[in-house]
Amino acid sequence: MIAETQSQVDWEDTLRAEEPGLRRLVAGRLGGQDGIDDVMQEVAVTALTGKSRPTDPERAPGWLRGVAIFKVRDFWRRKQRTSRLREAIGNIPEPENPERSPYEWVVTHERHSGIRAALSQLDAEDHKLMKMKYVDDLTYQQMADRLGVTTKTLEYRLLCARKHLREVLGKTQME
């Protein structure tokens, strides 16, 4: 009986009929990104193999639009995860001196990993200050101008941020 109700909707024909509108929907939500074909393929797979497909042919187009929107969201989530992973991998220091032993490289890599982990535990303001100073390589004056504070206030905030970083590093080294 369930097979009969599922067969009321011809999913291949419905996909063909709805594809232009679904493509426009996906393209609009992706902002013209290259992932349109990938998302459309996932929509088709879900439409042809999904377990919770509607049995009423009139509900099929709306259901397909909902699936397309969900797949676009999933596409953006995957893209974010991938970019974060690539960024993390890109931050792995390469051996600076080829004559260094592998042991020294591993120790250096672990130290950098510990510092990155400690930085991620800082509050947002401290993390931002440390990034501005040590990654963006800004002067105290440039940082103070961007934050709208005096250089003395900035120096004090950086002092506190370094203190918090040392505390977090100390805790992680004890563990």
Protein backbone atom coordinates (compact mmCIF):
# COMPACT_ATOMS: atom_id res chain seq x y z
CA MET A 1 0.00 0.00 0.00
CA ILE A 2 2.82 2.42 0.84
CA ALA A 3 4.53 1.66 -2.47
CA GLU A 4 1.34 2.61 -4.30
CA THR A 5 1.06 5.97 -2.53
CA GLN A 6 4.74 6.73 -3.10
CA SER A 7 4.32 6.03 -6.82
CA GLN A 8 1.61 8.70 -7.14
CA VAL A 9 4.36 11.30 -7.58
CA ASP A 10 6.62 10.78 -10.58
CA TRP A 11 9.75 12.26 -9.03
CA GLU A 12 11.81 12.23 -12.21
CA ASP A 13 9.19 14.25 -14.10
CA THR A 14 8.63 16.54 -11.11
CA LEU A 15 12.38 17.21 -10.86
CA ARG A 16 12.60 17.96 -14.56
CA ALA A 17 9.65 20.34 -14.37
CA GLU A 18 10.89 22.13 -11.23
CA GLU A 19 14.61 22.22 -12.09
CA PRO A 20 14.74 25.75 -13.60
CA GLY A 21 13.01 27.28 -10.58
CA LEU A 22 15.11 25.25 -8.16
CA ARG A 23 18.29 26.33 -9.96
CA ARG A 24 17.29 29.99 -9.65
CA LEU A 25 16.49 29.48 -5.96
CA VAL A 26 19.82 27.75 -5.30
CA ALA A 27 21.81 30.30 -7.36
CA GLY A 28 20.18 33.16 -5.48
CA ARG A 29 21.02 31.65 -2.11
CA LEU A 30 24.56 30.78 -3.11
CA GLY A 31 25.18 34.22 -4.56
CA GLY A 32 26.34 32.82 -7.90
CA GLN A 33 28.78 30.41 -6.28
CA ASP A 34 30.16 27.37 -8.06
CA GLY A 35 28.24 24.89 -5.89
CA ILE A 36 24.94 25.06 -7.80
CA ASP A 37 25.44 21.72 -9.58
CA ASP A 38 26.53 20.02 -6.36
CA VAL A 39 23.48 21.28 -4.46
CA MET A 40 21.14 20.32 -7.31
CA GLN A 41 22.62 16.83 -7.37
CA GLU A 42 21.97 16.47 -3.64
CA VAL A 43 18.39 17.69 -4.13
CA ALA A 44 17.87 15.09 -6.87
CA VAL A 45 19.29 12.28 -4.74
CA THR A 46 17.04 13.25 -1.83
CA ALA A 47 14.01 13.51 -4.13
CA LEU A 48 14.64 10.08 -5.63
CA THR A 49 15.67 8.22 -2.47
CA GLY A 50 14.30 10.26 0.43
CA LYS A 51 12.15 8.49 3.00
CA SER A 52 9.85 11.37 3.93
CA ARG A 53 8.73 12.40 0.45
CA PRO A 54 5.17 13.66 0.12
CA THR A 55 2.66 11.44 -1.63
CA ASP A 56 0.49 14.28 -2.93
CA PRO A 57 1.75 15.56 -6.32
CA GLU A 58 0.59 19.09 -5.45
CA ARG A 59 2.89 19.18 -2.40
CA ALA A 60 5.95 17.89 -4.27
CA PRO A 61 7.16 21.27 -5.70
CA GLY A 62 7.03 22.96 -2.28
CA TRP A 63 8.77 20.02 -0.68
CA LEU A 64 11.52 20.19 -3.32
CA ARG A 65 12.02 23.91 -2.60
CA GLY A 66 12.36 23.11 1.10
CA VAL A 67 14.90 20.39 0.32
CA ALA A 68 16.83 22.80 -1.90
CA ILE A 69 16.96 25.44 0.85
CA PHE A 70 18.14 22.84 3.36
CA LYS A 71 20.83 21.60 0.96
CA VAL A 72 22.04 25.19 0.38
CA ARG A 73 22.37 25.66 4.16
CA ASP A 74 24.23 22.37 4.36
CA PHE A 75 26.51 23.52 1.53
CA TRP A 76 27.41 26.71 3.47
CA ARG A 77 28.04 24.71 6.67
CA ARG A 78 30.39 22.35 4.84
CA LYS A 79 32.15 25.25 3.17
CA GLN A 80 32.71 26.96 6.54
CA ARG A 81 34.01 23.77 8.13
CA THR A 82 36.33 23.17 5.20
CA SER A 83 37.71 26.72 5.27
CA ARG A 84 38.30 26.51 9.03
CA LEU A 85 40.09 23.20 8.57
CA ARG A 86 42.21 24.57 5.73
CA GLU A 87 43.06 27.61 7.84
CA ALA A 88 44.08 25.39 10.75
CA ILE A 89 46.17 23.22 8.46
CA GLY A 90 47.69 26.28 6.83
CA ASN A 91 48.83 27.52 10.24
CA ILE A 92 50.98 24.44 10.84
CA PRO A 93 54.53 25.70 10.83
CA GLU A 94 56.85 24.19 8.28
CA PRO A 95 60.34 23.23 9.37
CA GLU A 96 62.32 26.47 9.23
CA ASN A 97 65.68 24.81 9.19
CA PRO A 98 65.94 21.60 7.16
CA GLU A 99 68.94 20.61 9.27
CA ARG A 100 66.79 20.56 12.39
CA SER A 101 65.88 17.14 13.67
CA PRO A 102 62.31 15.86 13.34
CA TYR A 103 62.12 15.86 17.14
CA GLU A 104 62.80 19.62 17.26
CA TRP A 105 60.15 20.20 14.59
CA VAL A 106 57.56 18.19 16.58
CA VAL A 107 58.36 20.10 19.77
CA THR A 108 58.00 23.41 17.94
CA HIS A 109 54.75 22.27 16.35
CA GLU A 110 53.34 21.20 19.74
CA ARG A 111 54.33 24.54 21.26
CA HIS A 112 52.53 26.40 18.46
CA SER A 113 49.48 24.15 18.89
CA GLY A 114 49.45 24.90 22.61
CA ILE A 115 49.59 28.62 21.98
CA ARG A 116 46.74 28.40 19.44
CA ALA A 117 44.65 26.40 21.92
CA ALA A 118 45.35 28.92 24.67
CA LEU A 119 44.44 31.83 22.38
CA SER A 120 41.11 30.17 21.58
CA GLN A 121 40.31 30.09 25.31
CA LEU A 122 40.80 33.83 25.76
CA ASP A 123 37.76 36.09 25.75
CA ALA A 124 36.97 37.85 22.49
CA GLU A 125 38.48 41.22 23.46
CA ASP A 126 41.81 39.73 24.59
CA HIS A 127 41.97 37.52 21.51
CA LYS A 128 41.30 40.53 19.26
CA LEU A 129 44.06 42.57 20.93
CA MET A 130 46.60 39.74 20.64
CA LYS A 131 45.71 39.23 16.98
CA MET A 132 46.02 42.93 16.19
CA LYS A 133 49.41 43.15 17.88
CA TYR A 134 51.08 39.89 16.89
CA VAL A 135 49.35 38.79 13.68
CA ASP A 136 48.42 42.11 12.07
CA ASP A 137 51.66 43.61 13.47
CA LEU A 138 50.06 46.95 14.32
CA THR A 139 51.73 49.58 16.47
CA TYR A 140 50.20 50.68 19.77
CA GLN A 141 49.12 53.93 18.16
CA GLN A 142 47.42 52.19 15.21
CA MET A 143 45.62 49.83 17.58
CA ALA A 144 44.53 52.67 19.86
CA ASP A 145 43.19 54.64 16.89
CA ARG A 146 41.19 51.65 15.64
CA LEU A 147 39.75 50.93 19.07
CA GLY A 148 39.15 54.57 19.97
CA VAL A 149 41.18 54.50 23.19
CA THR A 150 44.40 56.10 24.39
CA THR A 151 47.70 54.30 23.99
CA LYS A 152 48.02 54.01 27.77
CA THR A 153 44.64 52.27 27.97
CA LEU A 154 45.67 49.98 25.15
CA GLU A 155 48.99 49.14 26.82
CA TYR A 156 47.13 48.21 30.00
CA ARG A 157 44.64 46.04 28.09
CA LEU A 158 47.47 44.26 26.28
CA LEU A 159 49.22 43.73 29.61
CA CYS A 160 46.07 42.10 30.97
CA ALA A 161 45.61 40.04 27.80
CA ARG A 162 49.18 38.73 28.03
CA LYS A 163 48.63 37.92 31.69
CA HIS A 164 45.47 35.94 30.83
CA LEU A 165 47.34 34.12 28.06
CA ARG A 166 50.13 33.17 30.47
CA GLU A 167 47.53 31.89 32.96
CA VAL A 168 45.81 29.78 30.31
CA LEU A 169 49.15 28.46 29.04
CA GLY A 170 50.12 27.58 32.61
CA LYS A 171 46.89 25.66 33.12
CA THR A 172 47.25 23.73 29.85
CA GLN A 173 50.85 22.80 30.64
CA MET A 174 49.80 21.42 34.01
CA GLU A 175 47.15 19.20 32.38
